[in-house]
Amino acid sequence: MRSRVLAVGALAAALLAGCGAGDDWSGPRVAPAAVGTLGPGFTTGPPTPEATITPRPGSWDGVHPAPGYRVVLLTAGDDAQTATLVSAVRDWASAEQVSLKTVTAADPGQYTDRIDEALRLSPDLVVATGSRLVDALTLVTANHLRQQFLVLGAELAEPTANVTAANWPGATFRGEGLATSTGYDPASFTPARAAAAVRAGVASVLSGLTGIVIRLG
């Protein structure tokens, strides 16, 4: 009987240890450093806060997250444009061995609650897709300056240093009631542009160039 109890106890301990080891989101940590560096033409110099830069295509290709980089995909909306962005983020995460969790904001009345849910996961980066989230992000992000955010296919009108945007002409929504510099073109949300926005935006964040808008062609 004693040997059986010891065996059961050892098995339980092993299972608990395995759960802890397998949960790479089990506690806070320092975000891992970038792998690689930006290429020539990404920017001509350190951009000023809230600046818009137009990097040379592919100048971000040399920068990658370390395997296990923690990302929360925060998404709202079931439109085709948002779906294109979501697919790009998931494809990138799989290719880069990123640890990805998704928080979906279905109810406009709970957008800020879903952002808070994403924050409680303590990710290295929150990637937001869906222009419907812009106004809620504007309210929340300034109060969480230690958390990095990347907004895809849109931008905040006055981003704080922890909010970076990656977009292109036709995808520059800044919030309700605000004009955009390029208008809105749903046909501009192509898989190629979405994929480039993810990679360029993450490369910029990993390289410490945050609080800016990355405008792709």
N, C-alpha and C. Protein backbone atom coordinates (compact mmCIF):
# COMPACT_ATOMS: atom_id res chain seq x y z
N MET A 1 0.83 -1.21 0.00
CA MET A 1 0.00 0.00 0.00
C MET A 1 0.87 1.25 0.00
N ARG A 2 1.91 1.23 0.86
CA ARG A 2 2.79 2.41 0.93
C ARG A 2 3.46 2.70 -0.42
N SER A 3 3.92 1.63 -1.10
CA SER A 3 4.58 1.83 -2.39
C SER A 3 3.60 2.37 -3.42
N ARG A 4 2.32 1.92 -3.32
CA ARG A 4 1.31 2.41 -4.26
C ARG A 4 1.04 3.90 -4.04
N VAL A 5 0.94 4.30 -2.77
CA VAL A 5 0.71 5.72 -2.46
C VAL A 5 1.87 6.57 -2.96
N LEU A 6 3.10 6.08 -2.74
CA LEU A 6 4.27 6.83 -3.19
C LEU A 6 4.28 6.97 -4.71
N ALA A 7 3.88 5.89 -5.39
CA ALA A 7 3.87 5.93 -6.85
C ALA A 7 2.84 6.93 -7.37
N VAL A 8 1.63 6.93 -6.74
CA VAL A 8 0.60 7.89 -7.14
C VAL A 8 1.05 9.31 -6.88
N GLY A 9 1.70 9.52 -5.72
CA GLY A 9 2.20 10.85 -5.39
C GLY A 9 3.25 11.31 -6.37
N ALA A 10 4.14 10.40 -6.76
CA ALA A 10 5.19 10.76 -7.72
C ALA A 10 4.59 11.12 -9.07
N LEU A 11 3.54 10.37 -9.50
CA LEU A 11 2.89 10.65 -10.76
C LEU A 11 2.22 12.02 -10.74
N ALA A 12 1.52 12.32 -9.62
CA ALA A 12 0.86 13.62 -9.51
C ALA A 12 1.86 14.75 -9.56
N ALA A 13 2.99 14.58 -8.87
CA ALA A 13 4.02 15.61 -8.88
C ALA A 13 4.58 15.81 -10.28
N ALA A 14 4.76 14.71 -11.01
CA ALA A 14 5.30 14.82 -12.37
C ALA A 14 4.33 15.54 -13.28
N LEU A 15 3.01 15.24 -13.12
CA LEU A 15 2.01 15.92 -13.94
C LEU A 15 1.97 17.41 -13.66
N LEU A 16 2.04 17.77 -12.38
CA LEU A 16 2.04 19.18 -12.02
C LEU A 16 3.27 19.88 -12.57
N ALA A 17 4.41 19.24 -12.45
CA ALA A 17 5.63 19.82 -12.97
C ALA A 17 5.55 20.00 -14.47
N GLY A 18 4.95 19.01 -15.15
CA GLY A 18 4.81 19.10 -16.60
C GLY A 18 3.92 20.24 -17.00
N CYS A 19 2.83 20.46 -16.25
CA CYS A 19 1.93 21.57 -16.57
C CYS A 19 2.65 22.89 -16.42
N GLY A 20 3.42 23.04 -15.36
CA GLY A 20 4.13 24.29 -15.15
C GLY A 20 5.16 24.56 -16.22
N ALA A 21 5.88 23.51 -16.61
CA ALA A 21 6.92 23.67 -17.61
C ALA A 21 6.34 23.97 -18.97
N GLY A 22 5.15 23.37 -19.27
CA GLY A 22 4.56 23.57 -20.59
C GLY A 22 3.85 24.89 -20.73
N ASP A 23 3.52 25.55 -19.63
CA ASP A 23 2.80 26.81 -19.68
C ASP A 23 3.80 27.95 -19.73
N ASP A 24 4.16 28.40 -20.95
CA ASP A 24 5.17 29.44 -21.06
C ASP A 24 4.60 30.83 -20.80
N TRP A 25 3.31 30.91 -20.42
CA TRP A 25 2.69 32.18 -20.04
C TRP A 25 2.42 32.20 -18.53
N SER A 26 3.09 31.36 -17.77
CA SER A 26 2.76 31.18 -16.36
C SER A 26 3.17 32.33 -15.47
N GLY A 27 3.98 33.25 -15.96
CA GLY A 27 4.41 34.37 -15.13
C GLY A 27 5.05 35.46 -15.96
N PRO A 28 5.24 36.63 -15.38
CA PRO A 28 5.87 37.74 -16.12
C PRO A 28 7.34 37.46 -16.39
N ARG A 29 7.86 38.10 -17.40
CA ARG A 29 9.28 37.95 -17.73
C ARG A 29 9.70 39.14 -18.58
N VAL A 30 10.99 39.30 -18.75
CA VAL A 30 11.52 40.33 -19.64
C VAL A 30 11.36 39.84 -21.07
N ALA A 31 10.82 40.67 -21.94
CA ALA A 31 10.61 40.27 -23.33
C ALA A 31 11.94 39.92 -23.97
N PRO A 32 11.99 38.83 -24.74
CA PRO A 32 13.26 38.43 -25.37
C PRO A 32 13.70 39.44 -26.42
N ALA A 33 15.00 39.52 -26.62
CA ALA A 33 15.56 40.47 -27.59
C ALA A 33 15.26 40.01 -29.01
N ALA A 34 15.33 40.95 -29.93
CA ALA A 34 15.12 40.64 -31.33
C ALA A 34 16.26 39.78 -31.85
N VAL A 35 15.95 38.98 -32.86
CA VAL A 35 16.97 38.23 -33.58
C VAL A 35 17.21 38.95 -34.90
N GLY A 36 18.39 39.52 -35.10
CA GLY A 36 18.69 40.24 -36.32
C GLY A 36 18.52 41.74 -36.19
N THR A 37 18.80 42.45 -37.26
CA THR A 37 18.71 43.91 -37.27
C THR A 37 18.00 44.40 -38.52
N LEU A 38 17.48 45.60 -38.44
CA LEU A 38 16.81 46.22 -39.58
C LEU A 38 17.82 46.51 -40.69
N GLY A 39 17.36 46.39 -41.93
CA GLY A 39 18.21 46.66 -43.07
C GLY A 39 18.19 48.13 -43.47
N PRO A 40 19.07 48.51 -44.39
CA PRO A 40 19.09 49.90 -44.87
C PRO A 40 17.75 50.30 -45.47
N GLY A 41 17.35 51.52 -45.18
CA GLY A 41 16.13 52.04 -45.76
C GLY A 41 14.89 51.89 -44.91
N PHE A 42 15.02 51.24 -43.75
CA PHE A 42 13.82 51.16 -42.91
C PHE A 42 13.44 52.55 -42.41
N THR A 43 14.44 53.30 -41.96
CA THR A 43 14.25 54.69 -41.58
C THR A 43 15.57 55.42 -41.76
N THR A 44 15.50 56.70 -42.04
CA THR A 44 16.72 57.48 -42.26
C THR A 44 17.38 57.93 -40.97
N GLY A 45 16.71 57.75 -39.88
CA GLY A 45 17.24 58.13 -38.57
C GLY A 45 16.19 57.86 -37.53
N PRO A 46 16.50 58.04 -36.25
CA PRO A 46 15.50 57.81 -35.21
C PRO A 46 14.26 58.68 -35.44
N PRO A 47 13.10 58.08 -35.66
CA PRO A 47 11.91 58.89 -35.93
C PRO A 47 11.44 59.63 -34.68
N THR A 48 10.83 60.79 -34.90
CA THR A 48 10.26 61.54 -33.79
C THR A 48 8.96 60.88 -33.34
N PRO A 49 8.53 61.13 -32.11
CA PRO A 49 7.27 60.54 -31.64
C PRO A 49 6.11 60.87 -32.58
N GLU A 50 5.28 59.89 -32.85
CA GLU A 50 4.09 60.00 -33.70
C GLU A 50 4.43 60.21 -35.16
N ALA A 51 5.68 60.06 -35.54
CA ALA A 51 6.08 60.25 -36.93
C ALA A 51 5.53 59.12 -37.80
N THR A 52 5.39 59.42 -39.09
CA THR A 52 5.05 58.39 -40.08
C THR A 52 6.28 58.14 -40.94
N ILE A 53 6.70 56.88 -41.03
CA ILE A 53 7.84 56.52 -41.85
C ILE A 53 7.39 55.61 -42.98
N THR A 54 8.15 55.61 -44.06
CA THR A 54 7.83 54.77 -45.21
C THR A 54 9.06 53.90 -45.52
N PRO A 55 9.20 52.79 -44.85
CA PRO A 55 10.40 51.97 -45.01
C PRO A 55 10.52 51.34 -46.40
N ARG A 56 11.75 51.10 -46.78
CA ARG A 56 12.00 50.41 -48.04
C ARG A 56 11.45 48.99 -47.94
N PRO A 57 10.73 48.51 -48.96
CA PRO A 57 10.18 47.15 -48.90
C PRO A 57 11.27 46.12 -48.61
N GLY A 58 10.99 45.25 -47.65
CA GLY A 58 11.92 44.19 -47.30
C GLY A 58 12.99 44.58 -46.31
N SER A 59 13.07 45.87 -45.94
CA SER A 59 14.11 46.30 -45.00
C SER A 59 13.89 45.74 -43.60
N TRP A 60 12.75 45.15 -43.38
CA TRP A 60 12.43 44.55 -42.07
C TRP A 60 12.65 43.03 -42.05
N ASP A 61 13.02 42.46 -43.17
CA ASP A 61 13.08 41.00 -43.28
C ASP A 61 14.13 40.36 -42.39
N GLY A 62 15.15 41.10 -41.99
CA GLY A 62 16.22 40.52 -41.18
C GLY A 62 15.93 40.45 -39.70
N VAL A 63 14.78 40.95 -39.27
CA VAL A 63 14.44 40.98 -37.84
C VAL A 63 13.35 39.95 -37.55
N HIS A 64 13.59 39.14 -36.52
CA HIS A 64 12.63 38.10 -36.13
C HIS A 64 12.49 38.07 -34.62
N PRO A 65 11.33 37.66 -34.13
CA PRO A 65 11.19 37.46 -32.68
C PRO A 65 11.89 36.17 -32.26
N ALA A 66 12.33 36.13 -31.03
CA ALA A 66 12.88 34.89 -30.50
C ALA A 66 11.75 33.86 -30.39
N PRO A 67 12.04 32.57 -30.62
CA PRO A 67 10.99 31.55 -30.45
C PRO A 67 10.35 31.65 -29.07
N GLY A 68 9.03 31.53 -29.04
CA GLY A 68 8.31 31.63 -27.78
C GLY A 68 7.89 33.04 -27.42
N TYR A 69 8.20 34.02 -28.28
CA TYR A 69 7.73 35.39 -28.07
C TYR A 69 6.22 35.37 -27.87
N ARG A 70 5.75 36.02 -26.83
CA ARG A 70 4.33 35.96 -26.45
C ARG A 70 3.54 37.08 -27.12
N VAL A 71 2.52 36.70 -27.87
CA VAL A 71 1.69 37.68 -28.57
C VAL A 71 0.22 37.38 -28.31
N VAL A 72 -0.54 38.42 -28.00
CA VAL A 72 -1.99 38.31 -27.95
C VAL A 72 -2.55 38.97 -29.21
N LEU A 73 -3.32 38.22 -29.97
CA LEU A 73 -4.05 38.76 -31.11
C LEU A 73 -5.40 39.25 -30.59
N LEU A 74 -5.60 40.55 -30.62
CA LEU A 74 -6.85 41.17 -30.17
C LEU A 74 -7.62 41.58 -31.41
N THR A 75 -8.80 41.02 -31.60
CA THR A 75 -9.51 41.24 -32.85
C THR A 75 -10.99 41.53 -32.61
N ALA A 76 -11.55 42.34 -33.51
CA ALA A 76 -12.98 42.67 -33.46
C ALA A 76 -13.50 42.79 -34.88
N GLY A 77 -14.65 42.18 -35.13
CA GLY A 77 -15.26 42.27 -36.45
C GLY A 77 -15.07 41.02 -37.27
N ASP A 78 -16.11 40.69 -38.08
CA ASP A 78 -16.05 39.51 -38.94
C ASP A 78 -16.02 39.90 -40.41
N ASP A 79 -15.66 41.14 -40.70
CA ASP A 79 -15.57 41.60 -42.08
C ASP A 79 -14.35 40.98 -42.75
N ALA A 80 -14.34 41.03 -44.07
CA ALA A 80 -13.27 40.40 -44.84
C ALA A 80 -11.92 41.05 -44.57
N GLN A 81 -11.90 42.36 -44.32
CA GLN A 81 -10.65 43.06 -44.09
C GLN A 81 -9.99 42.59 -42.78
N THR A 82 -10.79 42.49 -41.74
CA THR A 82 -10.26 42.01 -40.46
C THR A 82 -9.81 40.55 -40.57
N ALA A 83 -10.58 39.75 -41.29
CA ALA A 83 -10.21 38.34 -41.48
C ALA A 83 -8.87 38.20 -42.18
N THR A 84 -8.60 39.07 -43.13
CA THR A 84 -7.31 39.05 -43.83
C THR A 84 -6.17 39.35 -42.86
N LEU A 85 -6.36 40.32 -42.00
CA LEU A 85 -5.34 40.67 -41.01
C LEU A 85 -5.14 39.54 -40.00
N VAL A 86 -6.22 38.95 -39.54
CA VAL A 86 -6.12 37.85 -38.57
C VAL A 86 -5.34 36.69 -39.17
N SER A 87 -5.64 36.34 -40.41
CA SER A 87 -4.93 35.24 -41.07
C SER A 87 -3.44 35.55 -41.19
N ALA A 88 -3.11 36.80 -41.49
CA ALA A 88 -1.71 37.18 -41.62
C ALA A 88 -0.97 37.03 -40.30
N VAL A 89 -1.62 37.42 -39.20
CA VAL A 89 -0.99 37.31 -37.89
C VAL A 89 -0.78 35.84 -37.53
N ARG A 90 -1.76 35.02 -37.77
CA ARG A 90 -1.65 33.60 -37.42
C ARG A 90 -0.59 32.90 -38.27
N ASP A 91 -0.54 33.24 -39.56
CA ASP A 91 0.48 32.64 -40.42
C ASP A 91 1.88 33.05 -39.97
N TRP A 92 2.03 34.32 -39.63
CA TRP A 92 3.33 34.82 -39.15
C TRP A 92 3.72 34.13 -37.85
N ALA A 93 2.78 34.00 -36.93
CA ALA A 93 3.08 33.38 -35.63
C ALA A 93 3.52 31.93 -35.81
N SER A 94 2.87 31.22 -36.71
CA SER A 94 3.24 29.83 -36.96
C SER A 94 4.63 29.74 -37.58
N ALA A 95 4.91 30.61 -38.54
CA ALA A 95 6.20 30.57 -39.21
C ALA A 95 7.35 30.95 -38.28
N GLU A 96 7.08 31.86 -37.33
CA GLU A 96 8.12 32.37 -36.45
C GLU A 96 8.17 31.66 -35.10
N GLN A 97 7.35 30.63 -34.92
CA GLN A 97 7.29 29.89 -33.66
C GLN A 97 6.94 30.81 -32.49
N VAL A 98 6.01 31.71 -32.75
CA VAL A 98 5.53 32.64 -31.73
C VAL A 98 4.45 31.95 -30.90
N SER A 99 4.43 32.24 -29.61
CA SER A 99 3.37 31.73 -28.73
C SER A 99 2.19 32.71 -28.82
N LEU A 100 1.10 32.28 -29.43
CA LEU A 100 -0.02 33.17 -29.76
C LEU A 100 -1.28 32.78 -29.02
N LYS A 101 -1.93 33.79 -28.43
CA LYS A 101 -3.26 33.62 -27.86
C LYS A 101 -4.17 34.67 -28.48
N THR A 102 -5.45 34.35 -28.60
CA THR A 102 -6.40 35.23 -29.25
C THR A 102 -7.49 35.68 -28.28
N VAL A 103 -7.78 36.97 -28.29
CA VAL A 103 -8.89 37.54 -27.54
C VAL A 103 -9.81 38.21 -28.55
N THR A 104 -11.06 37.75 -28.62
CA THR A 104 -12.02 38.29 -29.59
C THR A 104 -12.99 39.23 -28.88
N ALA A 105 -13.13 40.42 -29.44
CA ALA A 105 -14.05 41.42 -28.89
C ALA A 105 -15.29 41.46 -29.78
N ALA A 106 -16.34 40.78 -29.36
CA ALA A 106 -17.54 40.67 -30.19
C ALA A 106 -18.54 41.78 -29.91
N ASP A 107 -18.60 42.25 -28.68
CA ASP A 107 -19.61 43.23 -28.27
C ASP A 107 -18.96 44.60 -28.13
N PRO A 108 -19.38 45.61 -28.92
CA PRO A 108 -18.78 46.94 -28.82
C PRO A 108 -18.80 47.51 -27.40
N GLY A 109 -19.79 47.13 -26.62
CA GLY A 109 -19.87 47.62 -25.26
C GLY A 109 -18.83 47.02 -24.34
N GLN A 110 -18.12 46.01 -24.81
CA GLN A 110 -17.12 45.34 -23.99
C GLN A 110 -15.72 45.41 -24.60
N TYR A 111 -15.51 46.32 -25.53
CA TYR A 111 -14.18 46.41 -26.16
C TYR A 111 -13.09 46.68 -25.13
N THR A 112 -13.34 47.61 -24.22
CA THR A 112 -12.30 47.90 -23.22
C THR A 112 -12.09 46.71 -22.28
N ASP A 113 -13.16 45.97 -22.00
CA ASP A 113 -13.01 44.77 -21.16
C ASP A 113 -12.14 43.73 -21.85
N ARG A 114 -12.30 43.58 -23.16
CA ARG A 114 -11.49 42.60 -23.89
C ARG A 114 -10.03 43.06 -23.97
N ILE A 115 -9.80 44.36 -24.08
CA ILE A 115 -8.43 44.85 -24.04
C ILE A 115 -7.81 44.56 -22.69
N ASP A 116 -8.57 44.78 -21.64
CA ASP A 116 -8.07 44.46 -20.29
C ASP A 116 -7.77 42.97 -20.16
N GLU A 117 -8.61 42.13 -20.77
CA GLU A 117 -8.37 40.68 -20.75
C GLU A 117 -7.03 40.35 -21.41
N ALA A 118 -6.77 41.01 -22.54
CA ALA A 118 -5.49 40.79 -23.23
C ALA A 118 -4.32 41.23 -22.36
N LEU A 119 -4.48 42.33 -21.66
CA LEU A 119 -3.41 42.84 -20.80
C LEU A 119 -3.12 41.90 -19.65
N ARG A 120 -4.15 41.28 -19.11
CA ARG A 120 -3.95 40.37 -17.97
C ARG A 120 -3.12 39.15 -18.33
N LEU A 121 -3.02 38.85 -19.61
CA LEU A 121 -2.19 37.73 -20.05
C LEU A 121 -0.70 38.06 -20.04
N SER A 122 -0.36 39.33 -19.85
CA SER A 122 1.04 39.79 -19.78
C SER A 122 1.85 39.36 -21.00
N PRO A 123 1.37 39.68 -22.21
CA PRO A 123 2.13 39.29 -23.40
C PRO A 123 3.31 40.24 -23.64
N ASP A 124 4.19 39.82 -24.52
CA ASP A 124 5.26 40.72 -24.96
C ASP A 124 4.69 41.78 -25.89
N LEU A 125 3.65 41.43 -26.63
CA LEU A 125 3.06 42.35 -27.60
C LEU A 125 1.58 42.03 -27.77
N VAL A 126 0.75 43.09 -27.84
CA VAL A 126 -0.65 42.95 -28.23
C VAL A 126 -0.78 43.44 -29.66
N VAL A 127 -1.27 42.59 -30.55
CA VAL A 127 -1.49 42.96 -31.94
C VAL A 127 -2.98 43.12 -32.15
N ALA A 128 -3.41 44.32 -32.54
CA ALA A 128 -4.83 44.62 -32.69
C ALA A 128 -5.21 44.65 -34.16
N THR A 129 -6.26 43.92 -34.50
CA THR A 129 -6.80 43.92 -35.86
C THR A 129 -8.27 44.29 -35.81
N GLY A 130 -8.69 45.14 -36.72
CA GLY A 130 -10.08 45.58 -36.73
C GLY A 130 -10.18 47.03 -36.34
N SER A 131 -10.59 47.87 -37.29
CA SER A 131 -10.66 49.31 -37.03
C SER A 131 -11.65 49.65 -35.92
N ARG A 132 -12.56 48.74 -35.60
CA ARG A 132 -13.55 49.00 -34.55
C ARG A 132 -12.89 49.17 -33.18
N LEU A 133 -11.67 48.67 -33.03
CA LEU A 133 -10.98 48.74 -31.74
C LEU A 133 -10.26 50.06 -31.51
N VAL A 134 -10.12 50.88 -32.53
CA VAL A 134 -9.26 52.06 -32.43
C VAL A 134 -9.68 52.99 -31.30
N ASP A 135 -10.96 53.31 -31.21
CA ASP A 135 -11.39 54.25 -30.17
C ASP A 135 -11.16 53.70 -28.77
N ALA A 136 -11.45 52.41 -28.58
CA ALA A 136 -11.22 51.79 -27.27
C ALA A 136 -9.73 51.75 -26.95
N LEU A 137 -8.90 51.45 -27.93
CA LEU A 137 -7.45 51.45 -27.71
C LEU A 137 -6.94 52.83 -27.32
N THR A 138 -7.51 53.86 -27.92
CA THR A 138 -7.12 55.22 -27.59
C THR A 138 -7.36 55.51 -26.11
N LEU A 139 -8.44 54.97 -25.57
CA LEU A 139 -8.77 55.18 -24.16
C LEU A 139 -7.85 54.41 -23.22
N VAL A 140 -7.44 53.21 -23.63
CA VAL A 140 -6.76 52.29 -22.71
C VAL A 140 -5.24 52.36 -22.78
N THR A 141 -4.68 52.48 -23.96
CA THR A 141 -3.24 52.28 -24.12
C THR A 141 -2.38 53.28 -23.35
N ALA A 142 -2.84 54.50 -23.22
CA ALA A 142 -2.04 55.51 -22.51
C ALA A 142 -1.89 55.20 -21.03
N ASN A 143 -2.75 54.35 -20.51
CA ASN A 143 -2.68 53.98 -19.10
C ASN A 143 -1.85 52.72 -18.85
N HIS A 144 -1.26 52.17 -19.91
CA HIS A 144 -0.47 50.94 -19.79
C HIS A 144 0.80 51.09 -20.61
N LEU A 145 1.63 52.04 -20.22
CA LEU A 145 2.79 52.40 -21.03
C LEU A 145 3.86 51.32 -21.09
N ARG A 146 3.82 50.36 -20.17
CA ARG A 146 4.81 49.27 -20.20
C ARG A 146 4.43 48.16 -21.19
N GLN A 147 3.20 48.20 -21.68
CA GLN A 147 2.73 47.19 -22.61
C GLN A 147 2.84 47.70 -24.04
N GLN A 148 3.50 46.94 -24.91
CA GLN A 148 3.62 47.31 -26.30
C GLN A 148 2.40 46.84 -27.10
N PHE A 149 1.91 47.73 -27.97
CA PHE A 149 0.78 47.43 -28.85
C PHE A 149 1.21 47.65 -30.31
N LEU A 150 0.67 46.83 -31.19
CA LEU A 150 0.82 47.03 -32.63
C LEU A 150 -0.56 47.01 -33.25
N VAL A 151 -0.92 48.08 -33.94
CA VAL A 151 -2.22 48.21 -34.60
C VAL A 151 -2.01 47.98 -36.09
N LEU A 152 -2.77 47.08 -36.67
CA LEU A 152 -2.64 46.75 -38.08
C LEU A 152 -3.82 47.28 -38.88
N GLY A 153 -3.53 47.89 -40.03
CA GLY A 153 -4.57 48.36 -40.92
C GLY A 153 -5.36 49.54 -40.39
N ALA A 154 -4.80 50.27 -39.43
CA ALA A 154 -5.43 51.45 -38.84
C ALA A 154 -4.34 52.17 -38.04
N GLU A 155 -4.71 53.20 -37.29
CA GLU A 155 -3.74 53.90 -36.45
C GLU A 155 -4.48 54.73 -35.40
N LEU A 156 -3.78 55.08 -34.34
CA LEU A 156 -4.34 55.99 -33.34
C LEU A 156 -3.96 57.41 -33.71
N ALA A 157 -4.87 58.33 -33.48
CA ALA A 157 -4.62 59.72 -33.87
C ALA A 157 -3.42 60.31 -33.12
N GLU A 158 -3.30 60.02 -31.84
CA GLU A 158 -2.19 60.52 -31.03
C GLU A 158 -1.63 59.38 -30.20
N PRO A 159 -0.85 58.51 -30.82
CA PRO A 159 -0.35 57.33 -30.09
C PRO A 159 0.68 57.70 -29.04
N THR A 160 0.66 56.97 -27.94
CA THR A 160 1.73 57.10 -26.95
C THR A 160 2.90 56.23 -27.41
N ALA A 161 4.00 56.29 -26.68
CA ALA A 161 5.23 55.64 -27.13
C ALA A 161 5.12 54.12 -27.19
N ASN A 162 4.10 53.55 -26.60
CA ASN A 162 3.93 52.10 -26.59
C ASN A 162 2.99 51.59 -27.68
N VAL A 163 2.54 52.48 -28.57
CA VAL A 163 1.60 52.09 -29.63
C VAL A 163 2.21 52.36 -31.00
N THR A 164 2.41 51.31 -31.75
CA THR A 164 2.94 51.41 -33.10
C THR A 164 1.85 50.95 -34.07
N ALA A 165 1.80 51.55 -35.24
CA ALA A 165 0.82 51.15 -36.25
C ALA A 165 1.54 50.78 -37.54
N ALA A 166 0.99 49.82 -38.25
CA ALA A 166 1.49 49.45 -39.57
C ALA A 166 0.29 49.41 -40.51
N ASN A 167 0.31 50.28 -41.53
CA ASN A 167 -0.82 50.34 -42.44
C ASN A 167 -0.34 50.74 -43.84
N TRP A 168 -1.27 51.15 -44.68
CA TRP A 168 -0.97 51.48 -46.08
C TRP A 168 -2.08 52.38 -46.59
N PRO A 169 -1.90 53.05 -47.73
CA PRO A 169 -2.97 53.87 -48.28
C PRO A 169 -4.26 53.07 -48.45
N GLY A 170 -5.33 53.60 -47.89
CA GLY A 170 -6.61 52.90 -47.90
C GLY A 170 -6.90 52.17 -46.61
N ALA A 171 -5.93 52.17 -45.68
CA ALA A 171 -6.10 51.48 -44.39
C ALA A 171 -5.51 52.34 -43.29
N THR A 172 -6.05 53.55 -43.14
CA THR A 172 -5.48 54.50 -42.18
C THR A 172 -6.53 55.08 -41.24
N PHE A 173 -7.56 54.29 -40.93
CA PHE A 173 -8.61 54.76 -40.01
C PHE A 173 -8.00 55.18 -38.68
N ARG A 174 -8.44 56.35 -38.16
CA ARG A 174 -7.88 56.89 -36.92
C ARG A 174 -8.89 57.03 -35.80
N GLY A 175 -10.13 56.64 -36.03
CA GLY A 175 -11.15 56.78 -35.00
C GLY A 175 -12.39 57.47 -35.55
N GLU A 176 -13.49 57.29 -34.85
CA GLU A 176 -14.75 57.87 -35.29
C GLU A 176 -14.67 59.39 -35.36
N GLY A 177 -15.16 59.93 -36.47
CA GLY A 177 -15.22 61.38 -36.62
C GLY A 177 -13.92 62.03 -37.06
N LEU A 178 -12.88 61.25 -37.28
CA LEU A 178 -11.59 61.80 -37.68
C LEU A 178 -11.31 61.47 -39.14
N ALA A 179 -10.81 62.45 -39.86
CA ALA A 179 -10.47 62.24 -41.27
C ALA A 179 -9.19 61.42 -41.37
N THR A 180 -9.04 60.73 -42.49
CA THR A 180 -7.80 59.99 -42.75
C THR A 180 -7.07 60.64 -43.91
N SER A 181 -5.77 60.41 -43.96
CA SER A 181 -4.96 61.04 -45.01
C SER A 181 -5.10 60.32 -46.35
N THR A 182 -5.57 59.08 -46.32
CA THR A 182 -5.61 58.30 -47.56
C THR A 182 -6.99 57.75 -47.89
N GLY A 183 -8.01 58.07 -47.07
CA GLY A 183 -9.32 57.50 -47.29
C GLY A 183 -9.36 56.03 -46.92
N TYR A 184 -10.48 55.39 -47.23
CA TYR A 184 -10.65 53.98 -46.90
C TYR A 184 -10.95 53.19 -48.15
N ASP A 185 -10.20 52.14 -48.38
CA ASP A 185 -10.37 51.29 -49.55
C ASP A 185 -10.34 49.83 -49.11
N PRO A 186 -11.51 49.19 -48.97
CA PRO A 186 -11.53 47.81 -48.51
C PRO A 186 -10.75 46.86 -49.42
N ALA A 187 -10.66 47.19 -50.71
CA ALA A 187 -9.93 46.33 -51.64
C ALA A 187 -8.43 46.36 -51.39
N SER A 188 -7.96 47.34 -50.62
CA SER A 188 -6.52 47.44 -50.37
C SER A 188 -6.03 46.43 -49.34
N PHE A 189 -6.94 45.77 -48.64
CA PHE A 189 -6.57 44.79 -47.61
C PHE A 189 -6.26 43.45 -48.26
N THR A 190 -5.10 43.37 -48.88
CA THR A 190 -4.69 42.14 -49.54
C THR A 190 -3.84 41.29 -48.60
N PRO A 191 -3.78 39.98 -48.82
CA PRO A 191 -2.92 39.14 -47.97
C PRO A 191 -1.47 39.59 -47.98
N ALA A 192 -0.97 40.04 -49.11
CA ALA A 192 0.43 40.48 -49.20
C ALA A 192 0.66 41.71 -48.34
N ARG A 193 -0.23 42.69 -48.40
CA ARG A 193 -0.07 43.89 -47.57
C ARG A 193 -0.20 43.55 -46.10
N ALA A 194 -1.16 42.72 -45.76
CA ALA A 194 -1.34 42.35 -44.36
C ALA A 194 -0.11 41.64 -43.82
N ALA A 195 0.46 40.72 -44.60
CA ALA A 195 1.66 40.00 -44.16
C ALA A 195 2.83 40.95 -43.97
N ALA A 196 2.99 41.89 -44.90
CA ALA A 196 4.08 42.87 -44.79
C ALA A 196 3.89 43.76 -43.57
N ALA A 197 2.65 44.13 -43.28
CA ALA A 197 2.37 44.99 -42.13
C ALA A 197 2.73 44.29 -40.83
N VAL A 198 2.40 43.01 -40.71
CA VAL A 198 2.74 42.26 -39.50
C VAL A 198 4.26 42.25 -39.32
N ARG A 199 4.97 41.86 -40.34
CA ARG A 199 6.42 41.71 -40.22
C ARG A 199 7.13 43.05 -40.01
N ALA A 200 6.72 44.06 -40.74
CA ALA A 200 7.34 45.38 -40.58
C ALA A 200 7.03 45.95 -39.20
N GLY A 201 5.77 45.80 -38.76
CA GLY A 201 5.39 46.34 -37.46
C GLY A 201 6.10 45.66 -36.31
N VAL A 202 6.15 44.33 -36.35
CA VAL A 202 6.84 43.61 -35.27
C VAL A 202 8.33 43.92 -35.29
N ALA A 203 8.93 43.98 -36.47
CA ALA A 203 10.36 44.31 -36.57
C ALA A 203 10.65 45.67 -35.97
N SER A 204 9.76 46.62 -36.18
CA SER A 204 9.95 47.95 -35.62
C SER A 204 9.87 47.92 -34.10
N VAL A 205 8.87 47.23 -33.57
CA VAL A 205 8.72 47.12 -32.12
C VAL A 205 9.93 46.44 -31.50
N LEU A 206 10.35 45.32 -32.10
CA LEU A 206 11.50 44.59 -31.57
C LEU A 206 12.78 45.41 -31.61
N SER A 207 12.84 46.35 -32.55
CA SER A 207 14.04 47.19 -32.70
C SER A 207 13.97 48.47 -31.89
N GLY A 208 12.91 48.62 -31.11
CA GLY A 208 12.78 49.79 -30.23
C GLY A 208 12.24 51.04 -30.91
N LEU A 209 11.72 50.91 -32.13
CA LEU A 209 11.15 52.05 -32.83
C LEU A 209 9.64 51.97 -32.66
N THR A 210 9.13 52.59 -31.61
CA THR A 210 7.72 52.48 -31.26
C THR A 210 7.08 53.86 -31.18
N GLY A 211 5.75 53.86 -31.11
CA GLY A 211 5.04 55.13 -31.03
C GLY A 211 4.97 55.85 -32.37
N ILE A 212 5.13 55.10 -33.47
CA ILE A 212 5.16 55.68 -34.80
C ILE A 212 4.16 54.95 -35.70
N VAL A 213 3.98 55.49 -36.91
CA VAL A 213 3.16 54.85 -37.94
C VAL A 213 4.10 54.41 -39.05
N ILE A 214 4.00 53.12 -39.41
CA ILE A 214 4.78 52.57 -40.52
C ILE A 214 3.83 52.48 -41.70
N ARG A 215 4.07 53.31 -42.70
CA ARG A 215 3.19 53.37 -43.87
C ARG A 215 3.83 52.59 -45.02
N LEU A 216 3.18 51.50 -45.40
CA LEU A 216 3.67 50.67 -46.49
C LEU A 216 3.05 51.10 -47.80
N GLY A 217 3.65 50.67 -48.90
CA GLY A 217 3.14 51.03 -50.22
C GLY A 217 1.98 50.15 -50.64
